[in-house]
Amino acid sequence: MDLSELQKGECGIITKVTAEQVLKSRLNSFGITKGARIYVIEQTISKNTIEIRLHSTKIALRINEAKTIEVERTECEI
């Protein structure tokens, strides 16, 4: 599944990033890499953006960017 499919309050582990190299580099600079644990804070009502927490950092992504990030849903470890 991709990151855009996770709902508010759900967690996942990134299994693959399939973005083009420029976007992939930007995501890597935020720590969005294979094996990273993420928590979905919010999705906008219009479903245009998704806000995630990665470690102690909050990151907002466009849905089309989130679709390039494959995740495996996991239990949240809060």
Protein backbone atom coordinates (compact mmCIF):
# COMPACT_ATOMS: atom_id res chain seq x y z
CA MET A 1 0.00 0.00 0.00
CA ASP A 2 1.14 3.57 -0.39
CA LEU A 3 1.35 6.25 2.27
CA SER A 4 -1.71 8.10 0.95
CA GLU A 5 -3.86 5.08 1.93
CA LEU A 6 -3.04 5.30 5.65
CA GLN A 7 -5.68 7.09 7.70
CA LYS A 8 -5.32 9.62 10.51
CA GLY A 9 -3.87 7.92 13.58
CA GLU A 10 -2.36 4.97 11.70
CA CYS A 11 1.31 4.01 11.60
CA GLY A 12 3.51 2.34 9.05
CA ILE A 13 7.02 1.36 8.11
CA ILE A 14 8.37 2.61 4.79
CA THR A 15 9.23 -0.33 2.55
CA LYS A 16 10.15 1.48 -0.67
CA VAL A 17 10.36 4.98 -2.18
CA THR A 18 9.63 4.96 -5.92
CA ALA A 19 9.84 8.71 -6.58
CA GLU A 20 11.95 10.26 -9.31
CA GLN A 21 15.50 11.05 -8.19
CA VAL A 22 14.96 14.77 -7.44
CA LEU A 23 11.95 14.09 -5.20
CA LYS A 24 13.60 11.00 -3.71
CA SER A 25 16.60 13.10 -2.67
CA ARG A 26 14.33 15.67 -1.03
CA LEU A 27 12.41 12.94 0.81
CA ASN A 28 15.70 11.37 1.93
CA SER A 29 16.77 14.72 3.39
CA PHE A 30 13.65 14.59 5.60
CA GLY A 31 14.50 11.04 6.74
CA ILE A 32 11.85 9.41 4.56
CA THR A 33 13.79 6.25 3.77
CA LYS A 34 13.25 2.50 3.77
CA GLY A 35 12.70 1.21 7.31
CA ALA A 36 11.57 4.54 8.78
CA ARG A 37 8.49 4.46 11.04
CA ILE A 38 5.83 7.07 10.35
CA TYR A 39 2.62 8.20 12.02
CA VAL A 40 -0.21 9.94 10.12
CA ILE A 41 -1.22 13.08 12.00
CA GLU A 42 -3.79 14.44 9.58
CA GLN A 43 -5.14 14.39 6.04
CA THR A 44 -6.80 17.49 4.67
CA ILE A 45 -10.53 17.28 4.00
CA SER A 46 -9.91 17.73 0.28
CA LYS A 47 -7.30 14.90 0.46
CA ASN A 48 -4.66 17.13 -1.18
CA THR A 49 -2.08 16.83 1.58
CA ILE A 50 -1.09 14.48 4.36
CA GLU A 51 0.80 15.42 7.52
CA ILE A 52 3.05 12.79 9.04
CA ARG A 53 5.37 12.52 12.02
CA LEU A 54 8.76 10.93 11.51
CA HIS A 55 10.70 10.70 14.78
CA SER A 56 9.98 14.14 16.27
CA THR A 57 9.59 15.94 12.93
CA LYS A 58 6.26 16.85 11.34
CA ILE A 59 6.23 16.77 7.53
CA ALA A 60 3.45 17.74 5.13
CA LEU A 61 3.39 16.00 1.75
CA ARG A 62 1.22 16.34 -1.32
CA ILE A 63 -0.87 13.25 -1.94
CA ASN A 64 0.89 12.62 -5.27
CA GLU A 65 4.21 12.59 -3.35
CA ALA A 66 2.77 10.24 -0.70
CA LYS A 67 1.73 7.84 -3.46
CA THR A 68 5.43 7.28 -4.29
CA ILE A 69 6.10 5.99 -0.77
CA GLU A 70 5.19 2.34 -0.15
CA VAL A 71 4.43 1.41 3.45
CA GLU A 72 3.42 -1.55 5.54
CA ARG A 73 0.75 -0.76 8.13
CA THR A 74 1.92 -1.48 11.69
CA GLU A 75 0.74 -1.04 15.24
CA CYS A 76 1.58 2.40 16.60
CA GLU A 77 4.30 2.53 19.24
CA ILE A 78 3.50 5.80 20.97
